[in-house]
Amino acid sequence: MTPRPAGSKKSSAALKKFGERVGELRRSKNWSQAQFAEKMKTYSSHVNAIEHGRQNVTFETMEEISQALGVSIKELF
C-alpha cells in the first residue's frame, strides 16, 4: 500500500459510506447543510466535506453529529 501524502483528500469507502448516512439522517429532518452546521456549531463546508467523505471524522465529531441529529452513534453506521 502506498501512503497518501499529507493533506490528501482521497476518500475511503468507509468515509463515503459514513458521510452518506449522515446526509441521509440530516435530510430526514429536512435540514439544509447550513442548518445542520449551525446545530453542530461548525461551518457548512465542514458538513459538506463529511457528507462527501472528504473529511476524516474523529470520535468527538461523531458525538457532535449524533447529538445534533438526536441519534446514537451506532445509528450513524
C-alpha atoms as a PDB file:
ATOM      1  CA  MET A   1       0.000   0.000   0.000  1.00  0.00           C
ATOM      2  CA  THR A   2       1.318   3.415  -0.935  1.00  0.00           C
ATOM      3  CA  PRO A   3       0.928   6.046   1.789  1.00  0.00           C
ATOM      4  CA  ARG A   4      -1.022   9.126   0.837  1.00  0.00           C
ATOM      5  CA  PRO A   5       0.742  12.483   1.035  1.00  0.00           C
ATOM      6  CA  ALA A   6      -0.185  14.768   3.910  1.00  0.00           C
ATOM      7  CA  GLY A   7      -3.260  16.780   3.093  1.00  0.00           C
ATOM      8  CA  SER A   8      -4.531  14.231   0.587  1.00  0.00           C
ATOM      9  CA  LYS A   9      -8.295  14.473   0.155  1.00  0.00           C
ATOM     10  CA  LYS A  10      -8.859  10.998  -1.333  1.00  0.00           C
ATOM     11  CA  SER A  11     -11.924   9.424   0.242  1.00  0.00           C
ATOM     12  CA  SER A  12     -12.020   5.939   1.671  1.00  0.00           C
ATOM     13  CA  ALA A  13     -15.075   3.757   1.118  1.00  0.00           C
ATOM     14  CA  ALA A  14     -15.806   3.858   4.861  1.00  0.00           C
ATOM     15  CA  LEU A  15     -15.723   7.673   4.963  1.00  0.00           C
ATOM     16  CA  LYS A  16     -18.015   7.872   1.937  1.00  0.00           C
ATOM     17  CA  LYS A  17     -20.484   5.422   3.491  1.00  0.00           C
ATOM     18  CA  PHE A  18     -20.406   7.303   6.804  1.00  0.00           C
ATOM     19  CA  GLY A  19     -20.956  10.613   5.029  1.00  0.00           C
ATOM     20  CA  GLU A  20     -23.854   9.225   3.019  1.00  0.00           C
ATOM     21  CA  ARG A  21     -25.503   8.066   6.236  1.00  0.00           C
ATOM     22  CA  VAL A  22     -25.020  11.450   7.906  1.00  0.00           C
ATOM     23  CA  GLY A  23     -26.558  13.153   4.871  1.00  0.00           C
ATOM     24  CA  GLU A  24     -29.467  10.711   4.889  1.00  0.00           C
ATOM     25  CA  LEU A  25     -30.181  11.431   8.563  1.00  0.00           C
ATOM     26  CA  ARG A  26     -29.846  15.193   8.022  1.00  0.00           C
ATOM     27  CA  ARG A  27     -32.257  15.130   5.088  1.00  0.00           C
ATOM     28  CA  SER A  28     -34.756  13.044   7.107  1.00  0.00           C
ATOM     29  CA  LYS A  29     -35.027  16.091   9.380  1.00  0.00           C
ATOM     30  CA  ASN A  30     -35.447  18.400   6.358  1.00  0.00           C
ATOM     31  CA  TRP A  31     -32.356  20.387   7.373  1.00  0.00           C
ATOM     32  CA  SER A  32     -30.056  22.126   4.954  1.00  0.00           C
ATOM     33  CA  GLN A  33     -26.327  21.631   5.436  1.00  0.00           C
ATOM     34  CA  ALA A  34     -26.213  25.172   6.821  1.00  0.00           C
ATOM     35  CA  GLN A  35     -28.908  24.407   9.403  1.00  0.00           C
ATOM     36  CA  PHE A  36     -27.144  21.219  10.425  1.00  0.00           C
ATOM     37  CA  ALA A  37     -23.809  23.040  10.643  1.00  0.00           C
ATOM     38  CA  GLU A  38     -25.382  25.625  12.938  1.00  0.00           C
ATOM     39  CA  LYS A  39     -26.616  22.875  15.267  1.00  0.00           C
ATOM     40  CA  MET A  40     -23.110  21.352  15.254  1.00  0.00           C
ATOM     41  CA  LYS A  41     -21.517  24.800  15.763  1.00  0.00           C
ATOM     42  CA  THR A  42     -19.371  24.392  12.666  1.00  0.00           C
ATOM     43  CA  TYR A  43     -19.274  25.545   9.043  1.00  0.00           C
ATOM     44  CA  SER A  44     -21.467  24.202   6.256  1.00  0.00           C
ATOM     45  CA  SER A  45     -18.285  23.462   4.276  1.00  0.00           C
ATOM     46  CA  HIS A  46     -17.274  21.062   7.084  1.00  0.00           C
ATOM     47  CA  VAL A  47     -20.649  19.306   6.892  1.00  0.00           C
ATOM     48  CA  ASN A  48     -20.309  19.117   3.105  1.00  0.00           C
ATOM     49  CA  ALA A  49     -16.837  17.552   3.387  1.00  0.00           C
ATOM     50  CA  ILE A  50     -18.123  14.975   5.900  1.00  0.00           C
ATOM     51  CA  GLU A  51     -21.125  14.073   3.757  1.00  0.00           C
ATOM     52  CA  HIS A  52     -18.925  13.636   0.682  1.00  0.00           C
ATOM     53  CA  GLY A  53     -16.352  11.518   2.514  1.00  0.00           C
ATOM     54  CA  ARG A  54     -13.581  14.083   2.192  1.00  0.00           C
ATOM     55  CA  GLN A  55     -13.211  14.729   5.923  1.00  0.00           C
ATOM     56  CA  ASN A  56     -11.755  12.231   8.357  1.00  0.00           C
ATOM     57  CA  VAL A  57     -14.057  12.225  11.372  1.00  0.00           C
ATOM     58  CA  THR A  58     -12.868  11.965  14.964  1.00  0.00           C
ATOM     59  CA  PHE A  59     -14.858  10.280  17.695  1.00  0.00           C
ATOM     60  CA  GLU A  60     -15.530  13.731  19.145  1.00  0.00           C
ATOM     61  CA  THR A  61     -17.035  14.842  15.829  1.00  0.00           C
ATOM     62  CA  MET A  62     -19.154  11.678  15.715  1.00  0.00           C
ATOM     63  CA  GLU A  63     -20.508  12.618  19.143  1.00  0.00           C
ATOM     64  CA  GLU A  64     -21.315  16.137  17.932  1.00  0.00           C
ATOM     65  CA  ILE A  65     -23.068  14.749  14.843  1.00  0.00           C
ATOM     66  CA  SER A  66     -25.109  12.242  16.850  1.00  0.00           C
ATOM     67  CA  GLN A  67     -26.121  14.865  19.424  1.00  0.00           C
ATOM     68  CA  ALA A  68     -27.149  17.362  16.748  1.00  0.00           C
ATOM     69  CA  LEU A  69     -29.215  14.705  14.976  1.00  0.00           C
ATOM     70  CA  GLY A  70     -30.638  13.240  18.197  1.00  0.00           C
ATOM     71  CA  VAL A  71     -29.449   9.731  17.393  1.00  0.00           C
ATOM     72  CA  SER A  72     -26.990   7.298  18.946  1.00  0.00           C
ATOM     73  CA  ILE A  73     -23.504   6.971  17.478  1.00  0.00           C
ATOM     74  CA  LYS A  74     -24.472   3.427  16.467  1.00  0.00           C
ATOM     75  CA  GLU A  75     -27.225   4.845  14.247  1.00  0.00           C
ATOM     76  CA  LEU A  76     -24.614   6.765  12.248  1.00  0.00           C
ATOM     77  CA  PHE A  77     -23.399   3.489  10.722  1.00  0.00           C
END
